């Protein structure tokens, strides 16, 4: 079973619940600090990192970018802009494993991200 860790700065509990609801048992989900979550992905103890903050990239992905590198991280949404579905698919196909977004957009982006990851 693939594993998703939830980092980021806000809404960790509701984000984890949303992921579990969308994944329907296909992923295990665990809430961690940003550092622990990014380290789990770095050491292959987790497959994907999801994080939310108010900007979509700063507090959501800072530790993931520091430990995994920018080439493994994608800002899926930021205030006023959400990636299109084709852009999200391209990010996944390009090897992105850490996803940041604004907490306000989680209901729009998480279901699509989970469905796309399940297809991989």
PDB file of N, CA and C in Angstrom:
ATOM      1  N   UNK A   1       0.851  -1.187   0.000  1.00  0.00           N
ATOM      2  CA  UNK A   1       0.000   0.000   0.000  1.00  0.00           C
ATOM      3  C   UNK A   1       0.888   1.237   0.000  1.00  0.00           C
ATOM      4  N   UNK A   2       0.542   2.176  -0.858  1.00  0.00           N
ATOM      5  CA  UNK A   2       1.275   3.438  -0.912  1.00  0.00           C
ATOM      6  C   UNK A   2       0.881   4.301   0.283  1.00  0.00           C
ATOM      7  N   UNK A   3       1.810   5.182   0.649  1.00  0.00           N
ATOM      8  CA  UNK A   3       1.633   5.988   1.854  1.00  0.00           C
ATOM      9  C   UNK A   3       1.733   7.477   1.525  1.00  0.00           C
ATOM     10  N   UNK A   4       0.787   8.258   2.045  1.00  0.00           N
ATOM     11  CA  UNK A   4       0.807   9.716   1.922  1.00  0.00           C
ATOM     12  C   UNK A   4       1.031  10.300   3.306  1.00  0.00           C
ATOM     13  N   UNK A   5       1.982  11.235   3.393  1.00  0.00           N
ATOM     14  CA  UNK A   5       2.172  11.977   4.634  1.00  0.00           C
ATOM     15  C   UNK A   5       1.650  13.394   4.424  1.00  0.00           C
ATOM     16  N   UNK A   6       1.028  13.913   5.450  1.00  0.00           N
ATOM     17  CA  UNK A   6       0.465  15.261   5.411  1.00  0.00           C
ATOM     18  C   UNK A   6       1.329  16.169   6.267  1.00  0.00           C
ATOM     19  N   UNK A   7       1.901  17.180   5.623  1.00  0.00           N
ATOM     20  CA  UNK A   7       2.673  18.210   6.310  1.00  0.00           C
ATOM     21  C   UNK A   7       1.941  19.532   6.152  1.00  0.00           C
ATOM     22  N   UNK A   8       2.696  20.582   5.856  1.00  0.00           N
ATOM     23  CA  UNK A   8       2.082  21.888   5.668  1.00  0.00           C
ATOM     24  C   UNK A   8       1.804  22.577   6.987  1.00  0.00           C
ATOM     25  N   UNK A   9       1.265  23.755   6.885  1.00  0.00           N
ATOM     26  CA  UNK A   9       1.088  24.596   8.065  1.00  0.00           C
ATOM     27  C   UNK A   9      -0.327  24.646   8.625  1.00  0.00           C
ATOM     28  N   UNK A  10      -1.336  24.338   7.810  1.00  0.00           N
ATOM     29  CA  UNK A  10      -2.704  24.473   8.307  1.00  0.00           C
ATOM     30  C   UNK A  10      -3.580  23.330   7.818  1.00  0.00           C
ATOM     31  N   UNK A  11      -4.669  23.136   8.515  1.00  0.00           N
ATOM     32  CA  UNK A  11      -5.726  22.195   8.131  1.00  0.00           C
ATOM     33  C   UNK A  11      -5.257  20.753   7.957  1.00  0.00           C
ATOM     34  N   UNK A  12      -4.242  20.351   8.707  1.00  0.00           N
ATOM     35  CA  UNK A  12      -3.701  18.997   8.538  1.00  0.00           C
ATOM     36  C   UNK A  12      -4.746  17.915   8.789  1.00  0.00           C
ATOM     37  N   UNK A  13      -5.539  18.069   9.836  1.00  0.00           N
ATOM     38  CA  UNK A  13      -6.523  17.041  10.183  1.00  0.00           C
ATOM     39  C   UNK A  13      -7.597  16.917   9.099  1.00  0.00           C
ATOM     40  N   UNK A  14      -8.149  18.051   8.670  1.00  0.00           N
ATOM     41  CA  UNK A  14      -9.195  17.984   7.647  1.00  0.00           C
ATOM     42  C   UNK A  14      -8.621  17.548   6.302  1.00  0.00           C
ATOM     43  N   UNK A  15      -7.378  17.902   6.020  1.00  0.00           N
ATOM     44  CA  UNK A  15      -6.729  17.451   4.790  1.00  0.00           C
ATOM     45  C   UNK A  15      -6.538  15.934   4.811  1.00  0.00           C
ATOM     46  N   UNK A  16      -6.085  15.403   5.918  1.00  0.00           N
ATOM     47  CA  UNK A  16      -5.905  13.944   6.043  1.00  0.00           C
ATOM     48  C   UNK A  16      -7.241  13.227   5.889  1.00  0.00           C
ATOM     49  N   UNK A  17      -8.286  13.762   6.485  1.00  0.00           N
ATOM     50  CA  UNK A  17      -9.623  13.153   6.361  1.00  0.00           C
ATOM     51  C   UNK A  17     -10.105  13.166   4.915  1.00  0.00           C
ATOM     52  N   UNK A  18      -9.863  14.270   4.211  1.00  0.00           N
ATOM     53  CA  UNK A  18     -10.260  14.375   2.811  1.00  0.00           C
ATOM     54  C   UNK A  18      -9.489  13.365   1.960  1.00  0.00           C
ATOM     55  N   UNK A  19      -8.200  13.249   2.186  1.00  0.00           N
ATOM     56  CA  UNK A  19      -7.392  12.277   1.437  1.00  0.00           C
ATOM     57  C   UNK A  19      -7.909  10.870   1.679  1.00  0.00           C
ATOM     58  N   UNK A  20      -8.167  10.526   2.936  1.00  0.00           N
ATOM     59  CA  UNK A  20      -8.666   9.185   3.258  1.00  0.00           C
ATOM     60  C   UNK A  20     -10.013   8.925   2.580  1.00  0.00           C
ATOM     61  N   UNK A  21     -10.857   9.931   2.576  1.00  0.00           N
ATOM     62  CA  UNK A  21     -12.174   9.783   1.944  1.00  0.00           C
ATOM     63  C   UNK A  21     -12.034   9.555   0.441  1.00  0.00           C
ATOM     64  N   UNK A  22     -11.167  10.300  -0.202  1.00  0.00           N
ATOM     65  CA  UNK A  22     -10.973  10.169  -1.650  1.00  0.00           C
ATOM     66  C   UNK A  22     -10.251   8.875  -2.016  1.00  0.00           C
ATOM     67  N   UNK A  23      -9.321   8.445  -1.185  1.00  0.00           N
ATOM     68  CA  UNK A  23      -8.497   7.270  -1.485  1.00  0.00           C
ATOM     69  C   UNK A  23      -9.219   5.961  -1.223  1.00  0.00           C
ATOM     70  N   UNK A  24     -10.229   5.981  -0.386  1.00  0.00           N
ATOM     71  CA  UNK A  24     -11.034   4.797  -0.070  1.00  0.00           C
ATOM     72  C   UNK A  24     -10.171   3.571   0.232  1.00  0.00           C
ATOM     73  N   UNK A  25      -9.168   3.771   1.087  1.00  0.00           N
ATOM     74  CA  UNK A  25      -8.334   2.666   1.530  1.00  0.00           C
ATOM     75  C   UNK A  25      -7.153   2.333   0.637  1.00  0.00           C
ATOM     76  N   UNK A  26      -6.993   3.036  -0.481  1.00  0.00           N
ATOM     77  CA  UNK A  26      -5.894   2.742  -1.399  1.00  0.00           C
ATOM     78  C   UNK A  26      -4.556   3.294  -0.917  1.00  0.00           C
ATOM     79  N   UNK A  27      -4.584   4.281  -0.042  1.00  0.00           N
ATOM     80  CA  UNK A  27      -3.377   4.862   0.541  1.00  0.00           C
ATOM     81  C   UNK A  27      -3.517   4.863   2.051  1.00  0.00           C
ATOM     82  N   UNK A  28      -2.407   4.690   2.739  1.00  0.00           N
ATOM     83  CA  UNK A  28      -2.417   4.999   4.165  1.00  0.00           C
ATOM     84  C   UNK A  28      -2.055   6.473   4.288  1.00  0.00           C
ATOM     85  N   UNK A  29      -2.589   7.130   5.288  1.00  0.00           N
ATOM     86  CA  UNK A  29      -2.390   8.575   5.456  1.00  0.00           C
ATOM     87  C   UNK A  29      -1.955   8.832   6.888  1.00  0.00           C
ATOM     88  N   UNK A  30      -0.909   9.653   7.036  1.00  0.00           N
ATOM     89  CA  UNK A  30      -0.427   9.991   8.370  1.00  0.00           C
ATOM     90  C   UNK A  30      -0.065  11.469   8.427  1.00  0.00           C
ATOM     91  N   UNK A  31      -0.447  12.123   9.514  1.00  0.00           N
ATOM     92  CA  UNK A  31      -0.120  13.528   9.748  1.00  0.00           C
ATOM     93  C   UNK A  31       1.220  13.590  10.470  1.00  0.00           C
ATOM     94  N   UNK A  32       2.098  14.456   9.976  1.00  0.00           N
ATOM     95  CA  UNK A  32       3.424  14.629  10.575  1.00  0.00           C
ATOM     96  C   UNK A  32       3.784  16.112  10.561  1.00  0.00           C
ATOM     97  N   UNK A  33       4.860  16.435  11.245  1.00  0.00           N
ATOM     98  CA  UNK A  33       5.408  17.784  11.097  1.00  0.00           C
ATOM     99  C   UNK A  33       5.974  17.892   9.684  1.00  0.00           C
ATOM    100  N   UNK A  34       6.202  19.091   9.220  1.00  0.00           N
ATOM    101  CA  UNK A  34       6.751  19.284   7.876  1.00  0.00           C
ATOM    102  C   UNK A  34       8.069  18.532   7.705  1.00  0.00           C
ATOM    103  N   UNK A  35       8.937  18.672   8.678  1.00  0.00           N
ATOM    104  CA  UNK A  35      10.246  18.036   8.600  1.00  0.00           C
ATOM    105  C   UNK A  35      10.123  16.514   8.584  1.00  0.00           C
ATOM    106  N   UNK A  36       9.338  15.972   9.484  1.00  0.00           N
ATOM    107  CA  UNK A  36       9.162  14.513   9.530  1.00  0.00           C
ATOM    108  C   UNK A  36       8.527  13.986   8.242  1.00  0.00           C
ATOM    109  N   UNK A  37       7.549  14.691   7.730  1.00  0.00           N
ATOM    110  CA  UNK A  37       6.866  14.255   6.506  1.00  0.00           C
ATOM    111  C   UNK A  37       7.831  14.254   5.324  1.00  0.00           C
ATOM    112  N   UNK A  38       8.573  15.327   5.166  1.00  0.00           N
ATOM    113  CA  UNK A  38       9.534  15.400   4.058  1.00  0.00           C
ATOM    114  C   UNK A  38      10.628  14.348   4.211  1.00  0.00           C
ATOM    115  N   UNK A  39      11.072  14.116   5.428  1.00  0.00           N
ATOM    116  CA  UNK A  39      12.093  13.093   5.661  1.00  0.00           C
ATOM    117  C   UNK A  39      11.558  11.702   5.332  1.00  0.00           C
ATOM    118  N   UNK A  40      10.307  11.449   5.652  1.00  0.00           N
ATOM    119  CA  UNK A  40       9.711  10.150   5.319  1.00  0.00           C
ATOM    120  C   UNK A  40       9.706   9.912   3.810  1.00  0.00           C
ATOM    121  N   UNK A  41       9.395  10.941   3.042  1.00  0.00           N
ATOM    122  CA  UNK A  41       9.406  10.797   1.586  1.00  0.00           C
ATOM    123  C   UNK A  41      10.852  10.644   1.099  1.00  0.00           C
ATOM    124  N   UNK A  42      11.746  11.427   1.657  1.00  0.00           N
ATOM    125  CA  UNK A  42      13.158  11.368   1.263  1.00  0.00           C
ATOM    126  C   UNK A  42      13.746   9.976   1.499  1.00  0.00           C
ATOM    127  N   UNK A  43      13.365   9.347   2.608  1.00  0.00           N
ATOM    128  CA  UNK A  43      13.923   8.031   2.956  1.00  0.00           C
ATOM    129  C   UNK A  43      13.047   6.886   2.454  1.00  0.00           C
ATOM    130  N   UNK A  44      12.088   7.212   1.601  1.00  0.00           N
ATOM    131  CA  UNK A  44      11.201   6.217   0.978  1.00  0.00           C
ATOM    132  C   UNK A  44      10.301   5.483   1.978  1.00  0.00           C
ATOM    133  N   UNK A  45      10.082   6.091   3.152  1.00  0.00           N
ATOM    134  CA  UNK A  45       9.119   5.541   4.095  1.00  0.00           C
ATOM    135  C   UNK A  45       7.705   5.997   3.760  1.00  0.00           C
ATOM    136  N   UNK A  46       7.601   6.978   2.875  1.00  0.00           N
ATOM    137  CA  UNK A  46       6.313   7.447   2.360  1.00  0.00           C
ATOM    138  C   UNK A  46       6.495   7.727   0.871  1.00  0.00           C
ATOM    139  N   UNK A  47       5.397   7.654   0.147  1.00  0.00           N
ATOM    140  CA  UNK A  47       5.460   7.840  -1.299  1.00  0.00           C
ATOM    141  C   UNK A  47       5.150   9.265  -1.741  1.00  0.00           C
ATOM    142  N   UNK A  48       4.234   9.930  -1.022  1.00  0.00           N
ATOM    143  CA  UNK A  48       3.794  11.258  -1.425  1.00  0.00           C
ATOM    144  C   UNK A  48       3.635  12.160  -0.209  1.00  0.00           C
ATOM    145  N   UNK A  49       3.824  13.452  -0.444  1.00  0.00           N
ATOM    146  CA  UNK A  49       3.677  14.500   0.567  1.00  0.00           C
ATOM    147  C   UNK A  49       2.583  15.448   0.090  1.00  0.00           C
ATOM    148  N   UNK A  50       1.638  15.742   0.965  1.00  0.00           N
ATOM    149  CA  UNK A  50       0.607  16.738   0.697  1.00  0.00           C
ATOM    150  C   UNK A  50       0.698  17.785   1.796  1.00  0.00           C
ATOM    151  N   UNK A  51       0.639  19.060   1.420  1.00  0.00           N
ATOM    152  CA  UNK A  51       0.675  20.117   2.416  1.00  0.00           C
ATOM    153  C   UNK A  51      -0.164  21.305   1.992  1.00  0.00           C
ATOM    154  N   UNK A  52      -0.745  21.963   2.974  1.00  0.00           N
ATOM    155  CA  UNK A  52      -1.559  23.152   2.710  1.00  0.00           C
ATOM    156  C   UNK A  52      -1.062  24.323   3.544  1.00  0.00           C
ATOM    157  N   UNK A  53      -1.187  25.503   2.978  1.00  0.00           N
ATOM    158  CA  UNK A  53      -0.909  26.744   3.695  1.00  0.00           C
ATOM    159  C   UNK A  53      -1.723  27.843   3.016  1.00  0.00           C
ATOM    160  N   UNK A  54      -1.477  29.071   3.376  1.00  0.00           N
ATOM    161  CA  UNK A  54      -2.256  30.174   2.791  1.00  0.00           C
ATOM    162  C   UNK A  54      -1.752  30.600   1.423  1.00  0.00           C
ATOM    163  N   UNK A  55      -0.519  30.218   1.051  1.00  0.00           N
ATOM    164  CA  UNK A  55       0.024  30.624  -0.249  1.00  0.00           C
ATOM    165  C   UNK A  55       0.159  29.453  -1.217  1.00  0.00           C
ATOM    166  N   UNK A  56       0.105  28.230  -0.726  1.00  0.00           N
ATOM    167  CA  UNK A  56       0.222  27.058  -1.577  1.00  0.00           C
ATOM    168  C   UNK A  56       1.635  26.560  -1.783  1.00  0.00           C
ATOM    169  N   UNK A  57       2.629  27.385  -1.514  1.00  0.00           N
ATOM    170  CA  UNK A  57       4.006  26.971  -1.753  1.00  0.00           C
ATOM    171  C   UNK A  57       4.927  27.187  -0.574  1.00  0.00           C
ATOM    172  N   UNK A  58       4.738  28.257   0.161  1.00  0.00           N
ATOM    173  CA  UNK A  58       5.632  28.578   1.270  1.00  0.00           C
ATOM    174  C   UNK A  58       5.568  27.551   2.386  1.00  0.00           C
ATOM    175  N   UNK A  59       4.640  27.731   3.293  1.00  0.00           N
ATOM    176  CA  UNK A  59       4.501  26.830   4.427  1.00  0.00           C
ATOM    177  C   UNK A  59       4.063  25.429   4.042  1.00  0.00           C
ATOM    178  N   UNK A  60       3.449  25.286   2.890  1.00  0.00           N
ATOM    179  CA  UNK A  60       3.005  23.968   2.448  1.00  0.00           C
ATOM    180  C   UNK A  60       4.178  23.108   1.998  1.00  0.00           C
ATOM    181  N   UNK A  61       5.168  23.708   1.353  1.00  0.00           N
ATOM    182  CA  UNK A  61       6.223  22.924   0.707  1.00  0.00           C
ATOM    183  C   UNK A  61       7.658  23.260   1.118  1.00  0.00           C
ATOM    184  N   UNK A  62       7.862  24.198   2.006  1.00  0.00           N
ATOM    185  CA  UNK A  62       9.225  24.647   2.294  1.00  0.00           C
ATOM    186  C   UNK A  62      10.167  23.499   2.670  1.00  0.00           C
ATOM    187  N   UNK A  63       9.776  22.673   3.596  1.00  0.00           N
ATOM    188  CA  UNK A  63      10.642  21.554   4.007  1.00  0.00           C
ATOM    189  C   UNK A  63      10.779  20.512   2.910  1.00  0.00           C
ATOM    190  N   UNK A  64       9.707  20.263   2.184  1.00  0.00           N
ATOM    191  CA  UNK A  64       9.770  19.297   1.079  1.00  0.00           C
ATOM    192  C   UNK A  64      10.745  19.788   0.010  1.00  0.00           C
ATOM    193  N   UNK A  65      10.701  21.054  -0.322  1.00  0.00           N
ATOM    194  CA  UNK A  65      11.633  21.603  -1.305  1.00  0.00           C
ATOM    195  C   UNK A  65      13.061  21.497  -0.789  1.00  0.00           C
ATOM    196  N   UNK A  66      13.260  21.816   0.487  1.00  0.00           N
ATOM    197  CA  UNK A  66      14.607  21.753   1.060  1.00  0.00           C
ATOM    198  C   UNK A  66      15.180  20.342   1.045  1.00  0.00           C
ATOM    199  N   UNK A  67      14.372  19.349   1.346  1.00  0.00           N
ATOM    200  CA  UNK A  67      14.878  17.973   1.447  1.00  0.00           C
ATOM    201  C   UNK A  67      14.770  17.170   0.157  1.00  0.00           C
ATOM    202  N   UNK A  68      13.736  17.401  -0.614  1.00  0.00           N
ATOM    203  CA  UNK A  68      13.514  16.606  -1.816  1.00  0.00           C
ATOM    204  C   UNK A  68      14.002  17.291  -3.091  1.00  0.00           C
ATOM    205  N   UNK A  69      14.088  18.607  -3.041  1.00  0.00           N
ATOM    206  CA  UNK A  69      14.465  19.383  -4.215  1.00  0.00           C
ATOM    207  C   UNK A  69      13.245  19.900  -4.946  1.00  0.00           C
ATOM    208  N   UNK A  70      13.400  21.031  -5.551  1.00  0.00           N
ATOM    209  CA  UNK A  70      12.292  21.678  -6.270  1.00  0.00           C
ATOM    210  C   UNK A  70      11.746  20.793  -7.387  1.00  0.00           C
ATOM    211  N   UNK A  71      12.587  19.954  -7.966  1.00  0.00           N
ATOM    212  CA  UNK A  71      12.148  19.110  -9.076  1.00  0.00           C
ATOM    213  C   UNK A  71      11.189  18.011  -8.655  1.00  0.00           C
ATOM    214  N   UNK A  72      11.019  17.791  -7.359  1.00  0.00           N
ATOM    215  CA  UNK A  72      10.089  16.774  -6.859  1.00  0.00           C
ATOM    216  C   UNK A  72       8.829  17.387  -6.263  1.00  0.00           C
ATOM    217  N   UNK A  73       8.725  18.724  -6.293  1.00  0.00           N
ATOM    218  CA  UNK A  73       7.630  19.426  -5.630  1.00  0.00           C
ATOM    219  C   UNK A  73       6.827  20.269  -6.618  1.00  0.00           C
ATOM    220  N   UNK A  74       5.533  20.355  -6.379  1.00  0.00           N
ATOM    221  CA  UNK A  74       4.660  21.155  -7.244  1.00  0.00           C
ATOM    222  C   UNK A  74       3.683  21.963  -6.404  1.00  0.00           C
ATOM    223  N   UNK A  75       3.585  23.239  -6.698  1.00  0.00           N
ATOM    224  CA  UNK A  75       2.560  24.089  -6.108  1.00  0.00           C
ATOM    225  C   UNK A  75       1.332  23.982  -7.004  1.00  0.00           C
ATOM    226  N   UNK A  76       0.339  23.271  -6.510  1.00  0.00           N
ATOM    227  CA  UNK A  76      -0.857  22.980  -7.292  1.00  0.00           C
ATOM    228  C   UNK A  76      -1.814  24.168  -7.335  1.00  0.00           C
ATOM    229  N   UNK A  77      -1.874  24.900  -6.238  1.00  0.00           N
ATOM    230  CA  UNK A  77      -2.696  26.113  -6.255  1.00  0.00           C
ATOM    231  C   UNK A  77      -2.052  27.169  -5.379  1.00  0.00           C
ATOM    232  N   UNK A  78      -2.369  28.400  -5.725  1.00  0.00           N
ATOM    233  CA  UNK A  78      -1.969  29.559  -4.936  1.00  0.00           C
ATOM    234  C   UNK A  78      -3.151  30.515  -4.970  1.00  0.00           C
ATOM    235  N   UNK A  79      -3.165  31.543  -4.152  1.00  0.00           N
ATOM    236  CA  UNK A  79      -4.327  32.428  -4.144  1.00  0.00           C
ATOM    237  C   UNK A  79      -4.669  32.939  -5.550  1.00  0.00           C
ATOM    238  N   UNK A  80      -5.884  32.637  -5.983  1.00  0.00           N
ATOM    239  CA  UNK A  80      -6.362  33.105  -7.261  1.00  0.00           C
ATOM    240  C   UNK A  80      -6.001  32.248  -8.465  1.00  0.00           C
ATOM    241  N   UNK A  81      -5.255  31.144  -8.254  1.00  0.00           N
ATOM    242  CA  UNK A  81      -4.861  30.311  -9.393  1.00  0.00           C
ATOM    243  C   UNK A  81      -4.737  28.846  -8.990  1.00  0.00           C
ATOM    244  N   UNK A  82      -5.445  28.008  -9.723  1.00  0.00           N
ATOM    245  CA  UNK A  82      -5.354  26.557  -9.536  1.00  0.00           C
ATOM    246  C   UNK A  82      -4.889  25.966 -10.856  1.00  0.00           C
ATOM    247  N   UNK A  83      -3.937  25.042 -10.780  1.00  0.00           N
ATOM    248  CA  UNK A  83      -3.486  24.357 -11.997  1.00  0.00           C
ATOM    249  C   UNK A  83      -4.657  23.660 -12.670  1.00  0.00           C
ATOM    250  N   UNK A  84      -4.592  23.584 -13.974  1.00  0.00           N
ATOM    251  CA  UNK A  84      -5.592  22.817 -14.707  1.00  0.00           C
ATOM    252  C   UNK A  84      -5.333  21.327 -14.475  1.00  0.00           C
ATOM    253  N   UNK A  85      -6.322  20.512 -14.787  1.00  0.00           N
ATOM    254  CA  UNK A  85      -6.150  19.069 -14.617  1.00  0.00           C
ATOM    255  C   UNK A  85      -5.006  18.551 -15.478  1.00  0.00           C
ATOM    256  N   UNK A  86      -4.870  19.063 -16.679  1.00  0.00           N
ATOM    257  CA  UNK A  86      -3.772  18.611 -17.542  1.00  0.00           C
ATOM    258  C   UNK A  86      -2.416  19.016 -16.973  1.00  0.00           C
ATOM    259  N   UNK A  87      -2.341  20.183 -16.348  1.00  0.00           N
ATOM    260  CA  UNK A  87      -1.086  20.600 -15.704  1.00  0.00           C
ATOM    261  C   UNK A  87      -0.754  19.705 -14.511  1.00  0.00           C
ATOM    262  N   UNK A  88      -1.769  19.336 -13.720  1.00  0.00           N
ATOM    263  CA  UNK A  88      -1.525  18.444 -12.582  1.00  0.00           C
ATOM    264  C   UNK A  88      -1.041  17.081 -13.055  1.00  0.00           C
ATOM    265  N   UNK A  89      -1.656  16.557 -14.094  1.00  0.00           N
ATOM    266  CA  UNK A  89      -1.232  15.271 -14.636  1.00  0.00           C
ATOM    267  C   UNK A  89       0.208  15.359 -15.130  1.00  0.00           C
ATOM    268  N   UNK A  90       0.551  16.447 -15.801  1.00  0.00           N
ATOM    269  CA  UNK A  90       1.921  16.631 -16.292  1.00  0.00           C
ATOM    270  C   UNK A  90       2.915  16.655 -15.134  1.00  0.00           C
ATOM    271  N   UNK A  91       2.559  17.301 -14.041  1.00  0.00           N
ATOM    272  CA  UNK A  91       3.453  17.345 -12.877  1.00  0.00           C
ATOM    273  C   UNK A  91       3.687  15.938 -12.320  1.00  0.00           C
ATOM    274  N   UNK A  92       2.634  15.164 -12.222  1.00  0.00           N
ATOM    275  CA  UNK A  92       2.767  13.789 -11.721  1.00  0.00           C
ATOM    276  C   UNK A  92       3.635  12.965 -12.674  1.00  0.00           C
ATOM    277  N   UNK A  93       3.381  13.080 -13.952  1.00  0.00           N
ATOM    278  CA  UNK A  93       4.167  12.333 -14.946  1.00  0.00           C
ATOM    279  C   UNK A  93       5.629  12.765 -14.955  1.00  0.00           C
ATOM    280  N   UNK A  94       5.887  14.011 -14.559  1.00  0.00           N
ATOM    281  CA  UNK A  94       7.254  14.518 -14.488  1.00  0.00           C
ATOM    282  C   UNK A  94       7.942  14.170 -13.171  1.00  0.00           C
ATOM    283  N   UNK A  95       7.320  13.327 -12.367  1.00  0.00           N
ATOM    284  CA  UNK A  95       7.971  12.828 -11.162  1.00  0.00           C
ATOM    285  C   UNK A  95       7.745  13.618  -9.892  1.00  0.00           C
ATOM    286  N   UNK A  96       6.798  14.520  -9.889  1.00  0.00           N
ATOM    287  CA  UNK A  96       6.510  15.272  -8.659  1.00  0.00           C
ATOM    288  C   UNK A  96       5.868  14.326  -7.642  1.00  0.00           C
ATOM    289  N   UNK A  97       6.335  14.422  -6.402  1.00  0.00           N
ATOM    290  CA  UNK A  97       5.817  13.561  -5.337  1.00  0.00           C
ATOM    291  C   UNK A  97       5.388  14.358  -4.104  1.00  0.00           C
ATOM    292  N   UNK A  98       5.616  15.662  -4.126  1.00  0.00           N
ATOM    293  CA  UNK A  98       5.203  16.537  -3.029  1.00  0.00           C
ATOM    294  C   UNK A  98       4.320  17.627  -3.623  1.00  0.00           C
ATOM    295  N   UNK A  99       3.141  17.795  -3.025  1.00  0.00           N
ATOM    296  CA  UNK A  99       2.142  18.702  -3.581  1.00  0.00           C
ATOM    297  C   UNK A  99       1.693  19.705  -2.531  1.00  0.00           C
ATOM    298  N   UNK A 100       1.769  20.975  -2.881  1.00  0.00           N
ATOM    299  CA  UNK A 100       1.322  22.038  -2.001  1.00  0.00           C
ATOM    300  C   UNK A 100       0.188  22.807  -2.635  1.00  0.00           C
ATOM    301  N   UNK A 101      -0.708  23.306  -1.808  1.00  0.00           N
ATOM    302  CA  UNK A 101      -1.862  24.044  -2.293  1.00  0.00           C
ATOM    303  C   UNK A 101      -2.417  24.878  -1.160  1.00  0.00           C
ATOM    304  N   UNK A 102      -3.279  25.828  -1.510  1.00  0.00           N
ATOM    305  CA  UNK A 102      -3.913  26.610  -0.460  1.00  0.00           C
ATOM    306  C   UNK A 102      -4.998  25.755   0.196  1.00  0.00           C
ATOM    307  N   UNK A 103      -5.182  25.964   1.466  1.00  0.00           N
ATOM    308  CA  UNK A 103      -6.187  25.192   2.201  1.00  0.00           C
ATOM    309  C   UNK A 103      -7.577  25.396   1.604  1.00  0.00           C
ATOM    310  N   UNK A 104      -7.839  26.583   1.080  1.00  0.00           N
ATOM    311  CA  UNK A 104      -9.147  26.882   0.503  1.00  0.00           C
ATOM    312  C   UNK A 104      -9.427  26.050  -0.750  1.00  0.00           C
ATOM    313  N   UNK A 105      -8.390  25.560  -1.395  1.00  0.00           N
ATOM    314  CA  UNK A 105      -8.557  24.811  -2.643  1.00  0.00           C
ATOM    315  C   UNK A 105      -8.512  23.298  -2.464  1.00  0.00           C
ATOM    316  N   UNK A 106      -8.320  22.830  -1.249  1.00  0.00           N
ATOM    317  CA  UNK A 106      -8.124  21.391  -1.055  1.00  0.00           C
ATOM    318  C   UNK A 106      -9.293  20.555  -1.571  1.00  0.00           C
ATOM    319  N   UNK A 107     -10.503  21.037  -1.418  1.00  0.00           N
ATOM    320  CA  UNK A 107     -11.677  20.288  -1.882  1.00  0.00           C
ATOM    321  C   UNK A 107     -11.697  20.138  -3.405  1.00  0.00           C
ATOM    322  N   UNK A 108     -11.041  21.052  -4.097  1.00  0.00           N
ATOM    323  CA  UNK A 108     -10.999  20.996  -5.568  1.00  0.00           C
ATOM    324  C   UNK A 108      -9.817  20.182  -6.076  1.00  0.00           C
ATOM    325  N   UNK A 109      -8.669  20.266  -5.404  1.00  0.00           N
ATOM    326  CA  UNK A 109      -7.469  19.627  -5.965  1.00  0.00           C
ATOM    327  C   UNK A 109      -7.211  18.219  -5.434  1.00  0.00           C
ATOM    328  N   UNK A 110      -7.525  17.958  -4.181  1.00  0.00           N
ATOM    329  CA  UNK A 110      -7.202  16.649  -3.596  1.00  0.00           C
ATOM    330  C   UNK A 110      -7.924  15.501  -4.301  1.00  0.00           C
ATOM    331  N   UNK A 111      -9.229  15.580  -4.550  1.00  0.00           N
ATOM    332  CA  UNK A 111      -9.870  14.451  -5.239  1.00  0.00           C
ATOM    333  C   UNK A 111      -9.223  14.131  -6.586  1.00  0.00           C
ATOM    334  N   UNK A 112      -8.870  15.171  -7.335  1.00  0.00           N
ATOM    335  CA  UNK A 112      -8.243  14.926  -8.632  1.00  0.00           C
ATOM    336  C   UNK A 112      -6.833  14.354  -8.466  1.00  0.00           C
ATOM    337  N   UNK A 113      -6.050  14.894  -7.541  1.00  0.00           N
ATOM    338  CA  UNK A 113      -4.702  14.366  -7.314  1.00  0.00           C
ATOM    339  C   UNK A 113      -4.751  12.897  -6.914  1.00  0.00           C
ATOM    340  N   UNK A 114      -5.630  12.557  -5.991  1.00  0.00           N
ATOM    341  CA  UNK A 114      -5.731  11.169  -5.538  1.00  0.00           C
ATOM    342  C   UNK A 114      -6.131  10.255  -6.699  1.00  0.00           C
ATOM    343  N   UNK A 115      -7.122  10.640  -7.463  1.00  0.00           N
ATOM    344  CA  UNK A 115      -7.544   9.832  -8.613  1.00  0.00           C
ATOM    345  C   UNK A 115      -6.402   9.661  -9.610  1.00  0.00           C
ATOM    346  N   UNK A 116      -5.640  10.719  -9.842  1.00  0.00           N
ATOM    347  CA  UNK A 116      -4.526  10.643 -10.782  1.00  0.00           C
ATOM    348  C   UNK A 116      -3.396   9.768 -10.252  1.00  0.00           C
ATOM    349  N   UNK A 117      -3.112   9.860  -8.967  1.00  0.00           N
ATOM    350  CA  UNK A 117      -2.056   9.016  -8.377  1.00  0.00           C
ATOM    351  C   UNK A 117      -2.464   7.553  -8.393  1.00  0.00           C
ATOM    352  N   UNK A 118      -3.733   7.280  -8.218  1.00  0.00           N
ATOM    353  CA  UNK A 118      -4.213   5.896  -8.267  1.00  0.00           C
ATOM    354  C   UNK A 118      -4.041   5.287  -9.659  1.00  0.00           C
ATOM    355  N   UNK A 119      -4.053   6.115 -10.668  1.00  0.00           N
ATOM    356  CA  UNK A 119      -3.878   5.636 -12.038  1.00  0.00           C
ATOM    357  C   UNK A 119      -2.423   5.346 -12.389  1.00  0.00           C
ATOM    358  N   UNK A 120      -1.506   5.837 -11.576  1.00  0.00           N
ATOM    359  CA  UNK A 120      -0.071   5.660 -11.860  1.00  0.00           C
ATOM    360  C   UNK A 120       0.390   4.250 -11.571  1.00  0.00           C
TER     361      UNK A 120
END
